[in-house]
Amino acid sequence: MSLSHPLIEPGTDISRFRVEQLLARGGMGLVYRARDVRLDRPVALKVLAPELSDDEEFRQRFVRESRLAAALDHPHVVPVYEADDWHGLLYVAMRFVHGADLASVLRGGPLDPPAAMLLITQAASALDAAHDAGLVHRDVKPGNFLVRGARPGHVPEDAHLYLTDFGLTKQTGSLSGLTRSGTFLGSLHYVAPEQIRGEEVDGRADLYALACVAFELLTGAPPFRRDQEAALLWAHMSVPPPRLTDVRPDLPAAMGAVLARGMAKDPADRPPSCGAFVAELSGASGRVRADDDAPRPRVPAPPTVVRRPASEGTPPGPGPGPRPDGRAPDGRAPDGPPPDAAGSVRRRRRWWPLAVAVAGIAAVAAGLLLWSPWGGGAGDVELERQSLVVAPYEAEIPADWRLLRAEDDVGEFAYFGPEDRFPFDLADPASRAEAAEIAAEDPQRLLSIYVERSPGLADELPEDLPGQILAGQPEGSTLELTGTTLVAGLEVPILEGGLFLTDDQQLDVYGVLVDGETLVFFIAPFSVESDWQQVWDDVLASMTPTG
């Protein structure tokens, strides 16, 4: 049977979490961005289908084992804040991770072995930690691995992976199979044969799924693909996995042998742990992997943004440097110091209050309008090289966007946007509310590229940048350092966050600080942000100095 997923309206409170926006739909439930009203922090809130709450055995197990998962303290397990039953609705509140899941990353095609090995190694570490705690995840799939700072088709070089969605975990030794309502738990492309047969499961079922995920990271597709669900389940139980070299003849046959062992039909024929599986796979790849020489993900070709991990001998990057094991730090960068009585924090930034005292407005002389940006997506954007006006750079900008230039008592700034872009003022709650309505009904009208020349930022410590830039913005807005990238030949910090409009809406913000003085930010409603990510990347990749 299929599960129903009634949509929860923004503003609805579930326990202490206020729903803000739908993020994703899954087979078991819906995931929302929500706000913890008690601690005033964003969370990812997964609400399961009501039918699962009616399954008393599942309901009790979900609450009990989600709480066990919350006790896991591991850098590659997403922190679980709370899991409970709220008036018949099962929910779990987790850390909100700015990034993308592996399913989105795979839209850019298969990864090179070093990229895949880094992600698989982190995933295996998280799964082994769960197994050591007596838990089996049993829904291991690309969609349940989040990569901080990643976007569809792109992963940062210092990728940090989180295992999430522990709502389907089971204690080691419990039976798998169907719920009392007849719903199969688990994702069919990655489900172990013993789960399908309803046998006892342990960590080796997760290992089987991890091997399927590893195959997909290396080839771009899961190992078994069938049109009918019954045929797909039969393939997992009876059909040998395809040979890796049939799909990727450039990879060693030994890697295929390790993958096949990980996908063995009999759990006893698989490696004893996920870590052991990864060690065999790494050895078969022909690369001796040391902790301080971890493989780094590539950005899928053609590269538009190249991210590099911070290391000794490179300019200081944003936030803390790599941990001793070579992986990205787990904590968030601080938001910077509060303003003191002397006004040490900089002036309120104008890059996201888009309605200002405009000193001059000029239409871009772009010729004919070649494409309508609010016509449903960004797939046919025509770009044209233009000056960034207030900064000594030029870049490829959507050809039919207007340039609006303004100044305040500190200096000049400019932004590019569609012809019918809606101007609003963050200082005015009524204007923010109107913008929130437009974000829900006609989100393309809120797209913008913002540019500001701000020499004073060159003197700021990287970890202080978010706090300085956020100074004076509406409460609830967020900004954090998420990595570095190359722009105009310079390694620059990446800043990502959200611009608060109302309790129900915010705008996503993604940008960089180039040469320590030039802020370039891309602003878009969440509902269309992913459609424009390639355009944002192209703009950054095309930036060149004019001097």
Protein backbone atom coordinates (compact mmCIF):
# COMPACT_ATOMS: atom_id res chain seq x y z
CA MET A 1 0.00 0.00 0.00
CA SER A 2 1.09 3.58 -0.58
CA LEU A 3 1.40 6.00 2.29
CA SER A 4 -0.42 9.32 2.45
CA HIS A 5 1.56 12.49 3.07
CA PRO A 6 -0.76 15.35 4.07
CA LEU A 7 1.04 18.67 3.77
CA ILE A 8 1.54 20.62 6.99
CA GLU A 9 0.91 24.32 6.60
CA PRO A 10 3.73 26.79 7.40
CA GLY A 11 3.31 28.23 10.88
CA THR A 12 2.02 24.97 12.34
CA ASP A 13 3.64 23.98 15.63
CA ILE A 14 4.68 20.37 16.14
CA SER A 15 5.88 20.14 19.70
CA ARG A 16 8.28 23.08 20.03
CA PHE A 17 9.09 23.18 16.31
CA ARG A 18 7.36 25.66 14.00
CA VAL A 19 7.09 24.50 10.39
CA GLU A 20 8.53 27.00 7.89
CA GLN A 21 8.83 25.29 4.52
CA LEU A 22 8.67 21.90 2.82
CA LEU A 23 12.15 20.64 1.92
CA ALA A 24 11.67 17.15 0.51
CA ARG A 25 9.25 14.29 0.02
CA GLY A 26 10.23 10.72 0.81
CA GLY A 27 8.58 7.35 0.83
CA MET A 28 8.10 7.42 4.58
CA GLY A 29 7.19 11.07 5.14
CA LEU A 30 7.88 14.72 4.49
CA VAL A 31 10.88 16.79 5.58
CA TYR A 32 10.39 20.43 6.53
CA ARG A 33 12.63 23.26 7.47
CA ALA A 34 11.38 24.32 10.89
CA ARG A 35 12.47 26.52 13.77
CA ASP A 36 13.01 25.42 17.32
CA VAL A 37 11.02 28.19 19.02
CA ARG A 38 12.58 27.44 22.38
CA LEU A 39 16.22 27.64 21.26
CA ASP A 40 15.64 29.83 18.16
CA ARG A 41 17.59 27.64 15.74
CA PRO A 42 16.72 26.03 12.38
CA VAL A 43 16.07 22.30 12.28
CA ALA A 44 15.17 19.67 9.71
CA LEU A 45 11.87 18.18 10.82
CA LYS A 46 10.77 14.84 9.37
CA VAL A 47 7.09 14.00 9.86
CA LEU A 48 6.16 10.42 9.05
CA ALA A 49 3.01 9.32 7.25
CA PRO A 50 0.00 8.91 9.60
CA GLU A 51 -0.40 5.23 8.68
CA LEU A 52 2.94 4.47 10.34
CA SER A 53 1.68 5.96 13.59
CA ASP A 54 -1.22 3.51 13.44
CA ASP A 55 1.25 0.63 13.43
CA GLU A 56 1.74 0.36 17.19
CA GLU A 57 4.85 -1.80 16.92
CA PHE A 58 6.47 0.62 14.49
CA ARG A 59 5.45 3.68 16.51
CA GLN A 60 7.00 2.41 19.72
CA ARG A 61 10.16 1.24 17.96
CA PHE A 62 10.51 4.54 16.09
CA VAL A 63 10.42 6.64 19.25
CA ARG A 64 12.65 4.26 21.22
CA GLU A 65 15.33 3.83 18.60
CA SER A 66 15.32 7.43 17.39
CA ARG A 67 16.20 8.34 20.95
CA LEU A 68 19.00 5.78 20.84
CA ALA A 69 20.21 7.36 17.61
CA ALA A 70 20.11 10.76 19.31
CA ALA A 71 22.62 9.42 21.81
CA LEU A 72 25.14 8.70 19.03
CA ASP A 73 27.97 11.21 19.20
CA HIS A 74 29.81 10.83 15.92
CA PRO A 75 31.08 13.47 13.48
CA HIS A 76 29.36 11.77 10.53
CA VAL A 77 25.98 11.12 12.14
CA VAL A 78 23.60 14.06 11.91
CA PRO A 79 22.65 15.14 15.45
CA VAL A 80 19.08 14.24 16.41
CA TYR A 81 17.52 16.79 18.74
CA GLU A 82 14.19 15.14 19.49
CA ALA A 83 11.93 12.29 18.35
CA ASP A 84 8.42 11.72 19.61
CA ASP A 85 4.73 11.22 18.94
CA TRP A 86 2.85 14.54 18.68
CA HIS A 87 -0.91 13.97 18.73
CA GLY A 88 -0.61 10.93 16.51
CA LEU A 89 2.16 12.24 14.26
CA LEU A 90 5.61 10.69 14.50
CA TYR A 91 8.40 13.22 13.99
CA VAL A 92 12.14 13.57 14.38
CA ALA A 93 13.98 16.91 14.60
CA MET A 94 17.57 16.97 13.36
CA ARG A 95 20.34 19.46 12.64
CA PHE A 96 19.64 21.52 9.54
CA VAL A 97 22.58 20.90 7.20
CA HIS A 98 23.33 23.48 4.52
CA GLY A 99 24.17 21.29 1.57
CA ALA A 100 22.73 18.52 -0.58
CA ASP A 101 22.23 14.79 -0.34
CA LEU A 102 24.18 12.28 -2.40
CA ALA A 103 21.18 11.68 -4.64
CA SER A 104 21.39 15.32 -5.70
CA VAL A 105 25.16 15.17 -6.06
CA LEU A 106 24.80 12.19 -8.40
CA ARG A 107 22.82 14.29 -10.86
CA GLY A 108 26.22 15.45 -12.05
CA GLY A 109 27.20 11.90 -12.97
CA PRO A 110 29.55 9.33 -11.41
CA LEU A 111 32.46 10.37 -9.22
CA ASP A 112 36.12 9.59 -9.65
CA PRO A 113 37.42 6.90 -7.27
CA PRO A 114 39.13 9.38 -4.89
CA ALA A 115 35.87 11.32 -4.55
CA ALA A 116 33.81 8.21 -4.02
CA MET A 117 36.29 6.77 -1.51
CA LEU A 118 36.20 9.85 0.71
CA LEU A 119 32.42 9.82 0.88
CA ILE A 120 32.15 6.04 1.29
CA THR A 121 34.77 6.09 4.05
CA GLN A 122 32.83 8.69 6.03
CA ALA A 123 29.58 6.80 5.49
CA ALA A 124 31.15 3.53 6.65
CA SER A 125 32.50 5.23 9.79
CA ALA A 126 29.00 6.47 10.67
CA LEU A 127 27.37 3.10 10.03
CA ASP A 128 29.93 1.20 12.10
CA ALA A 129 29.33 3.63 14.97
CA ALA A 130 25.61 2.88 14.77
CA HIS A 131 26.27 -0.85 14.66
CA ASP A 132 28.57 -0.62 17.68
CA ALA A 133 25.66 1.03 19.51
CA GLY A 134 23.40 -1.90 18.59
CA LEU A 135 21.51 -0.14 15.81
CA VAL A 136 20.90 -1.11 12.19
CA HIS A 137 19.92 1.78 9.93
CA ARG A 138 18.27 -0.42 7.29
CA ASP A 139 17.43 2.38 4.85
CA VAL A 140 20.92 3.23 3.59
CA LYS A 141 20.63 5.11 0.28
CA PRO A 142 22.12 8.23 -1.36
CA GLY A 143 19.22 10.36 -0.16
CA ASN A 144 20.07 9.62 3.46
CA PHE A 145 23.62 10.98 3.23
CA LEU A 146 23.92 14.76 3.46
CA VAL A 147 27.09 16.52 2.31
CA ARG A 148 27.72 19.91 3.86
CA GLY A 149 28.29 22.63 1.31
CA ALA A 150 27.34 20.38 -1.62
CA ARG A 151 24.84 21.27 -4.28
CA PRO A 152 23.31 19.22 -7.11
CA GLY A 153 26.19 18.02 -9.26
CA HIS A 154 28.83 19.59 -7.01
CA VAL A 155 30.71 18.60 -3.86
CA PRO A 156 33.29 20.67 -1.98
CA GLU A 157 36.79 19.28 -1.82
CA ASP A 158 36.64 19.25 1.99
CA ALA A 159 33.33 17.38 1.88
CA HIS A 160 31.83 16.44 5.23
CA LEU A 161 29.16 13.74 5.07
CA TYR A 162 26.36 13.10 7.56
CA LEU A 163 24.28 9.94 7.86
CA THR A 164 20.67 10.85 8.57
CA ASP A 165 17.14 9.42 8.81
CA PHE A 166 17.51 7.00 11.68
CA GLY A 167 13.72 6.72 11.99
CA LEU A 168 13.83 3.29 10.33
CA THR A 169 16.62 1.86 12.46
CA LYS A 170 16.14 -1.43 14.23
CA GLN A 171 18.02 -2.96 17.10
CA THR A 172 20.44 -5.69 16.10
CA GLY A 173 18.71 -9.05 15.95
CA SER A 174 15.18 -7.72 15.33
CA LEU A 175 13.17 -8.95 12.37
CA SER A 176 12.77 -6.94 9.21
CA GLY A 177 10.15 -7.09 6.51
CA LEU A 178 6.67 -5.64 6.54
CA THR A 179 4.85 -3.48 9.05
CA ARG A 180 1.48 -4.68 10.28
CA SER A 181 -0.07 -2.39 7.68
CA GLY A 182 1.81 -4.26 4.94
CA THR A 183 4.25 -1.49 4.09
CA PHE A 184 7.78 -2.56 3.17
CA LEU A 185 10.40 -0.51 5.01
CA GLY A 186 13.56 0.34 3.10
CA SER A 187 14.51 1.56 -0.37
CA LEU A 188 14.21 -1.12 -3.01
CA HIS A 189 17.33 -0.23 -4.99
CA TYR A 190 19.53 -0.84 -1.93
CA VAL A 191 17.69 -3.41 0.19
CA ALA A 192 19.54 -6.53 1.36
CA PRO A 193 18.21 -9.99 0.44
CA GLU A 194 17.68 -10.96 4.08
CA GLN A 195 15.46 -7.91 4.58
CA ILE A 196 13.35 -8.94 1.61
CA ARG A 197 13.01 -12.46 3.00
CA GLY A 198 11.98 -11.15 6.41
CA GLU A 199 14.97 -12.70 8.14
CA GLU A 200 16.98 -11.42 11.07
CA VAL A 201 19.11 -8.40 10.18
CA ASP A 202 22.31 -6.93 11.55
CA GLY A 203 24.91 -4.45 10.36
CA ARG A 204 25.70 -6.57 7.30
CA ALA A 205 22.36 -5.50 5.79
CA ASP A 206 23.58 -1.90 5.93
CA LEU A 207 26.90 -3.03 4.44
CA TYR A 208 25.03 -4.53 1.47
CA ALA A 209 23.23 -1.22 0.93
CA LEU A 210 26.49 0.72 1.28
CA ALA A 211 28.04 -1.47 -1.43
CA CYS A 212 25.08 -0.61 -3.68
CA VAL A 213 25.62 3.08 -2.95
CA ALA A 214 29.34 2.74 -3.66
CA PHE A 215 28.54 1.11 -7.01
CA GLU A 216 26.24 4.05 -7.82
CA LEU A 217 28.84 6.66 -6.84
CA LEU A 218 31.33 5.04 -9.21
CA THR A 219 28.94 4.34 -12.12
CA GLY A 220 26.11 6.87 -11.77
CA ALA A 221 23.38 4.21 -11.36
CA PRO A 222 22.42 1.57 -8.76
CA PRO A 223 23.49 -2.01 -9.50
CA PHE A 224 20.01 -3.41 -10.06
CA ARG A 225 17.48 -1.61 -12.22
CA ARG A 226 14.13 -3.15 -13.13
CA ASP A 227 10.80 -1.74 -14.28
CA GLN A 228 8.77 -3.78 -11.80
CA GLU A 229 9.28 -3.79 -8.04
CA ALA A 230 8.90 -7.56 -7.85
CA ALA A 231 11.62 -8.00 -10.48
CA LEU A 232 13.88 -5.61 -8.58
CA LEU A 233 13.44 -7.54 -5.32
CA TRP A 234 14.08 -10.81 -7.17
CA ALA A 235 17.31 -9.38 -8.61
CA HIS A 236 18.58 -8.51 -5.13
CA MET A 237 17.88 -12.05 -3.95
CA SER A 238 18.97 -14.10 -6.98
CA VAL A 239 20.82 -12.16 -9.70
CA PRO A 240 24.60 -11.57 -9.44
CA PRO A 241 25.50 -7.86 -9.38
CA PRO A 242 26.77 -6.39 -12.66
CA ARG A 243 30.51 -6.23 -13.12
CA LEU A 244 31.93 -2.81 -12.38
CA THR A 245 34.26 -2.92 -15.39
CA ASP A 246 31.31 -3.44 -17.75
CA VAL A 247 30.19 0.07 -16.84
CA ARG A 248 33.55 1.65 -15.92
CA PRO A 249 36.27 -0.20 -17.86
CA ASP A 250 38.76 2.39 -16.63
CA LEU A 251 38.50 1.09 -13.05
CA PRO A 252 40.43 -1.90 -11.64
CA ALA A 253 38.64 -5.24 -11.80
CA ALA A 254 39.68 -5.74 -8.16
CA MET A 255 37.34 -2.93 -7.12
CA GLY A 256 34.48 -4.74 -8.82
CA ALA A 257 35.33 -7.92 -6.91
CA VAL A 258 35.17 -6.07 -3.58
CA LEU A 259 31.83 -4.48 -4.51
CA ALA A 260 30.48 -7.90 -5.47
CA ARG A 261 31.57 -9.28 -2.11
CA GLY A 262 29.82 -6.42 -0.36
CA MET A 263 26.66 -7.32 -2.30
CA ALA A 264 26.90 -11.05 -1.59
CA LYS A 265 23.49 -12.69 -1.18
CA ASP A 266 24.56 -14.47 2.00
CA PRO A 267 25.51 -12.04 4.81
CA ALA A 268 28.22 -14.46 5.93
CA ASP A 269 30.04 -13.92 2.62
CA ARG A 270 30.32 -10.15 3.11
CA PRO A 271 33.15 -8.31 4.90
CA PRO A 272 32.71 -8.26 8.69
CA SER A 273 32.10 -4.50 8.91
CA CYS A 274 31.60 -1.43 6.77
CA GLY A 275 35.10 -0.28 7.69
CA ALA A 276 36.57 -3.57 6.53
CA PHE A 277 34.66 -3.26 3.25
CA VAL A 278 36.04 0.25 2.67
CA ALA A 279 39.58 -0.89 3.51
CA GLU A 280 39.33 -3.65 0.89
CA LEU A 281 37.85 -1.26 -1.67
CA SER A 282 40.54 1.31 -1.06
CA GLY A 283 43.27 -1.28 -1.45
CA ALA A 284 41.69 -2.59 -4.63
CA SER A 285 41.63 0.91 -6.09
CA GLY A 286 45.43 0.85 -6.12
CA ARG A 287 45.69 3.80 -3.74
CA VAL A 288 47.34 3.48 -0.33
CA ARG A 289 45.15 5.77 1.78
CA ALA A 290 46.55 7.47 4.87
CA ASP A 291 44.54 9.63 7.24
CA ASP A 292 46.46 12.71 6.16
CA ASP A 293 46.07 11.83 2.48
CA ALA A 294 42.32 11.36 2.19
CA PRO A 295 40.96 11.36 -1.36
CA ARG A 296 39.15 14.54 -2.26
CA PRO A 297 35.96 14.77 -4.35
CA ARG A 298 36.13 16.30 -7.76
CA VAL A 299 33.67 18.80 -9.11
CA PRO A 300 31.99 17.08 -12.08
CA ALA A 301 33.17 18.28 -15.49
CA PRO A 302 32.92 20.78 -16.91
CA PRO A 303 34.22 22.41 -13.73
CA THR A 304 32.76 25.77 -12.89
CA VAL A 305 33.72 26.02 -9.21
CA VAL A 306 36.81 24.30 -7.85
CA ARG A 307 37.05 23.96 -4.09
CA ARG A 308 40.27 23.17 -2.29
CA PRO A 309 40.84 22.15 1.31
CA ALA A 310 42.74 24.56 3.50
CA SER A 311 46.26 23.36 4.29
CA GLU A 312 49.57 24.61 5.54
CA GLY A 313 51.18 27.03 3.17
CA THR A 314 47.86 28.33 1.78
CA PRO A 315 46.18 31.59 2.69
CA PRO A 316 44.04 31.37 5.81
CA GLY A 317 40.60 29.97 4.96
CA PRO A 318 37.33 30.63 6.69
CA GLY A 319 36.71 28.96 10.02
CA PRO A 320 38.86 26.29 11.65
CA GLY A 321 41.30 24.34 9.53
CA PRO A 322 41.27 20.62 8.82
CA ARG A 323 41.21 18.18 11.69
CA PRO A 324 44.26 15.98 12.24
CA ASP A 325 42.56 13.23 10.19
CA GLY A 326 42.36 15.56 7.20
CA ARG A 327 38.60 15.94 7.25
CA ALA A 328 36.55 19.10 7.61
CA PRO A 329 35.75 20.34 11.14
CA ASP A 330 32.30 19.38 12.38
CA GLY A 331 31.37 22.57 14.18
CA ARG A 332 29.88 25.68 12.67
CA ALA A 333 31.95 28.81 12.33
CA PRO A 334 31.23 31.45 14.96
CA ASP A 335 29.10 34.37 13.95
CA GLY A 336 31.56 36.97 15.10
CA PRO A 337 31.61 39.34 18.04
CA PRO A 338 28.59 41.43 19.06
CA PRO A 339 28.73 45.18 18.57
CA ASP A 340 30.31 47.11 21.38
CA ALA A 341 29.52 50.57 22.68
CA ALA A 342 32.06 52.09 20.35
CA GLY A 343 30.27 50.61 17.34
CA SER A 344 33.09 48.29 16.36
CA VAL A 345 30.75 46.15 14.28
CA ARG A 346 30.37 47.46 10.78
CA ARG A 347 27.37 49.28 9.38
CA ARG A 348 24.24 47.45 8.38
CA ARG A 349 24.85 45.78 5.05
CA ARG A 350 22.57 46.59 2.18
CA TRP A 351 23.13 43.48 0.05
CA TRP A 352 19.87 41.85 0.95
CA PRO A 353 17.52 44.75 1.73
CA LEU A 354 16.81 45.13 -1.96
CA ALA A 355 14.75 48.33 -1.72
CA VAL A 356 17.00 51.28 -0.94
CA ALA A 357 17.34 55.00 -1.61
CA VAL A 358 18.34 54.47 -5.20
CA ALA A 359 20.76 57.06 -6.48
CA GLY A 360 20.56 55.87 -10.06
CA ILE A 361 18.85 53.09 -11.96
CA ALA A 362 20.10 52.02 -15.37
CA ALA A 363 18.81 49.31 -17.64
CA VAL A 364 21.46 46.96 -18.98
CA ALA A 365 21.99 47.53 -22.68
CA ALA A 366 21.61 43.87 -23.47
CA GLY A 367 19.76 44.09 -26.78
CA LEU A 368 16.86 41.73 -27.37
CA LEU A 369 15.32 39.81 -24.46
CA LEU A 370 16.39 36.24 -25.15
CA TRP A 371 14.79 34.42 -22.26
CA SER A 372 12.19 34.96 -19.54
CA PRO A 373 13.64 34.09 -16.09
CA TRP A 374 10.26 33.65 -14.47
CA GLY A 375 9.00 31.18 -17.03
CA GLY A 376 9.60 28.08 -14.91
CA GLY A 377 13.32 27.51 -14.57
CA ALA A 378 16.86 28.47 -15.50
CA GLY A 379 17.56 25.84 -18.11
CA ASP A 380 17.74 28.23 -21.10
CA VAL A 381 19.51 31.21 -19.59
CA GLU A 382 21.47 33.34 -22.05
CA LEU A 383 24.50 34.91 -20.39
CA GLU A 384 26.30 38.07 -21.45
CA ARG A 385 29.60 39.46 -20.20
CA GLN A 386 29.01 42.63 -18.22
CA SER A 387 30.86 44.86 -15.82
CA LEU A 388 30.05 44.48 -12.14
CA VAL A 389 30.15 48.28 -12.09
CA VAL A 390 30.99 48.94 -8.44
CA ALA A 391 33.87 46.42 -8.33
CA PRO A 392 36.82 45.97 -10.74
CA TYR A 393 35.46 42.74 -12.23
CA GLU A 394 33.27 41.56 -15.04
CA ALA A 395 31.28 38.34 -15.34
CA GLU A 396 28.70 36.49 -17.39
CA ILE A 397 25.28 37.72 -16.20
CA PRO A 398 21.79 36.73 -17.49
CA ALA A 399 21.49 38.86 -20.60
CA ASP A 400 18.05 40.32 -19.99
CA TRP A 401 18.52 41.22 -16.35
CA ARG A 402 18.58 44.87 -15.35
CA LEU A 403 21.40 46.50 -13.47
CA LEU A 404 20.31 48.64 -10.55
CA ARG A 405 22.94 50.80 -8.93
CA ALA A 406 22.60 52.61 -5.64
CA GLU A 407 24.58 54.23 -2.87
CA ASP A 408 24.21 55.05 0.77
CA ASP A 409 26.23 57.07 3.24
CA VAL A 410 29.09 54.56 3.13
CA GLY A 411 29.52 53.61 -0.50
CA GLU A 412 28.13 52.10 -3.68
CA PHE A 413 26.54 48.76 -4.32
CA ALA A 414 24.67 47.20 -7.21
CA TYR A 415 22.47 44.30 -8.02
CA PHE A 416 21.19 42.55 -11.13
CA GLY A 417 17.69 41.14 -11.40
CA PRO A 418 14.78 40.33 -13.70
CA GLU A 419 12.84 43.15 -15.32
CA ASP A 420 9.88 42.67 -12.97
CA ARG A 421 11.97 42.05 -9.85
CA PHE A 422 10.03 42.97 -6.72
CA PRO A 423 11.81 45.56 -4.54
CA PHE A 424 11.34 45.29 -0.80
CA ASP A 425 12.77 46.68 2.40
CA LEU A 426 13.86 44.35 5.19
CA ALA A 427 13.41 47.12 7.72
CA ASP A 428 9.67 47.14 6.93
CA PRO A 429 7.75 44.06 8.21
CA ALA A 430 4.89 44.77 5.79
CA SER A 431 7.30 44.82 2.86
CA ARG A 432 8.87 41.56 4.04
CA ALA A 433 5.42 39.98 4.31
CA GLU A 434 4.60 41.00 0.74
CA ALA A 435 7.90 39.55 -0.43
CA ALA A 436 7.06 36.30 1.39
CA GLU A 437 3.79 36.07 -0.55
CA ILE A 438 5.63 36.61 -3.82
CA ALA A 439 8.18 33.95 -2.82
CA ALA A 440 5.30 31.47 -2.55
CA GLU A 441 3.42 32.55 -5.69
CA ASP A 442 5.99 33.95 -8.16
CA PRO A 443 9.45 33.19 -6.74
CA GLN A 444 11.40 34.18 -9.85
CA ARG A 445 10.64 37.84 -9.12
CA LEU A 446 12.92 37.72 -6.06
CA LEU A 447 16.07 36.54 -7.84
CA SER A 448 19.09 38.83 -7.51
CA ILE A 449 22.85 39.03 -7.89
CA TYR A 450 24.23 41.55 -5.42
CA VAL A 451 27.68 43.18 -5.63
CA GLU A 452 29.33 45.47 -3.07
CA ARG A 453 32.83 46.86 -2.84
CA SER A 454 33.71 46.86 0.87
CA PRO A 455 37.43 47.44 1.52
CA GLY A 456 37.01 47.29 5.30
CA LEU A 457 36.24 43.57 5.21
CA ALA A 458 39.85 42.84 4.24
CA ASP A 459 40.84 43.53 7.85
CA GLU A 460 38.33 41.06 9.33
CA LEU A 461 39.24 37.61 10.55
CA PRO A 462 37.53 34.94 8.44
CA GLU A 463 35.55 33.62 11.40
CA ASP A 464 34.19 37.13 12.07
CA LEU A 465 32.82 37.70 8.56
CA PRO A 466 29.32 36.23 9.07
CA GLY A 467 28.66 38.32 12.16
CA GLN A 468 29.92 41.49 10.54
CA ILE A 469 27.89 41.00 7.37
CA LEU A 470 24.75 40.09 9.32
CA ALA A 471 24.96 43.17 11.55
CA GLY A 472 21.63 44.99 11.45
CA GLN A 473 19.77 42.31 9.47
CA PRO A 474 16.37 41.00 10.67
CA GLU A 475 16.43 38.54 13.53
CA GLY A 476 16.28 35.02 12.17
CA SER A 477 18.64 35.66 9.25
CA THR A 478 21.64 33.32 9.13
CA LEU A 479 25.04 33.21 7.46
CA GLU A 480 27.95 30.82 7.87
CA LEU A 481 31.26 29.94 6.28
CA THR A 482 30.99 26.61 4.45
CA GLY A 483 34.28 26.27 2.58
CA THR A 484 36.42 27.89 -0.07
CA THR A 485 36.37 28.10 -3.86
CA LEU A 486 38.45 29.59 -6.68
CA VAL A 487 37.22 32.86 -8.20
CA ALA A 488 39.33 34.93 -10.60
CA GLY A 489 42.34 32.80 -9.64
CA LEU A 490 41.92 33.50 -5.91
CA GLU A 491 40.93 31.13 -3.12
CA VAL A 492 37.96 32.84 -1.50
CA PRO A 493 35.57 32.02 1.36
CA ILE A 494 32.07 30.76 0.61
CA LEU A 495 29.19 32.15 2.69
CA GLU A 496 25.75 30.53 2.79
CA GLY A 497 22.64 31.21 4.78
CA GLY A 498 19.09 32.51 4.78
CA LEU A 499 17.46 35.92 4.71
CA PHE A 500 14.50 36.13 7.07
CA LEU A 501 11.24 37.40 5.59
CA THR A 502 8.52 35.94 7.83
CA ASP A 503 8.11 32.90 10.06
CA ASP A 504 7.03 30.99 6.97
CA GLN A 505 9.50 32.17 4.33
CA GLN A 506 13.14 33.00 3.86
CA LEU A 507 15.43 33.58 0.90
CA ASP A 508 18.49 31.39 0.37
CA VAL A 509 21.80 33.22 0.10
CA TYR A 510 25.00 31.90 -1.48
CA GLY A 511 28.04 34.05 -2.10
CA VAL A 512 31.75 34.78 -1.84
CA LEU A 513 34.14 37.49 -0.69
CA VAL A 514 36.66 38.08 -3.48
CA ASP A 515 40.04 39.75 -2.84
CA GLY A 516 38.89 40.54 0.70
CA GLU A 517 36.86 43.50 -0.54
CA THR A 518 34.23 42.44 -3.10
CA LEU A 519 31.05 40.76 -1.91
CA VAL A 520 29.08 38.84 -4.55
CA PHE A 521 25.86 37.20 -3.37
CA PHE A 522 23.17 35.20 -5.13
CA ILE A 523 19.72 35.51 -3.58
CA ALA A 524 16.78 33.23 -4.42
CA PRO A 525 13.68 31.72 -2.82
CA PHE A 526 14.30 28.17 -1.67
CA SER A 527 11.75 26.74 -4.13
CA VAL A 528 13.81 27.80 -7.19
CA GLU A 529 17.33 28.05 -5.76
CA SER A 530 18.41 24.62 -7.00
CA ASP A 531 17.24 25.49 -10.53
CA TRP A 532 19.66 28.42 -10.58
CA GLN A 533 22.70 26.85 -8.97
CA GLN A 534 24.41 26.14 -12.29
CA VAL A 535 23.87 29.77 -13.34
CA TRP A 536 25.39 30.97 -10.06
CA ASP A 537 28.39 28.70 -10.65
CA ASP A 538 28.78 29.99 -14.19
CA VAL A 539 28.75 33.59 -12.98
CA LEU A 540 31.50 32.89 -10.45
CA ALA A 541 33.56 30.85 -12.90
CA SER A 542 33.41 33.67 -15.44
CA MET A 543 34.57 36.46 -13.10
CA THR A 544 37.75 38.17 -14.25
CA PRO A 545 39.42 41.42 -13.10
CA THR A 546 39.10 44.43 -15.37
CA GLY A 547 42.25 46.20 -14.21
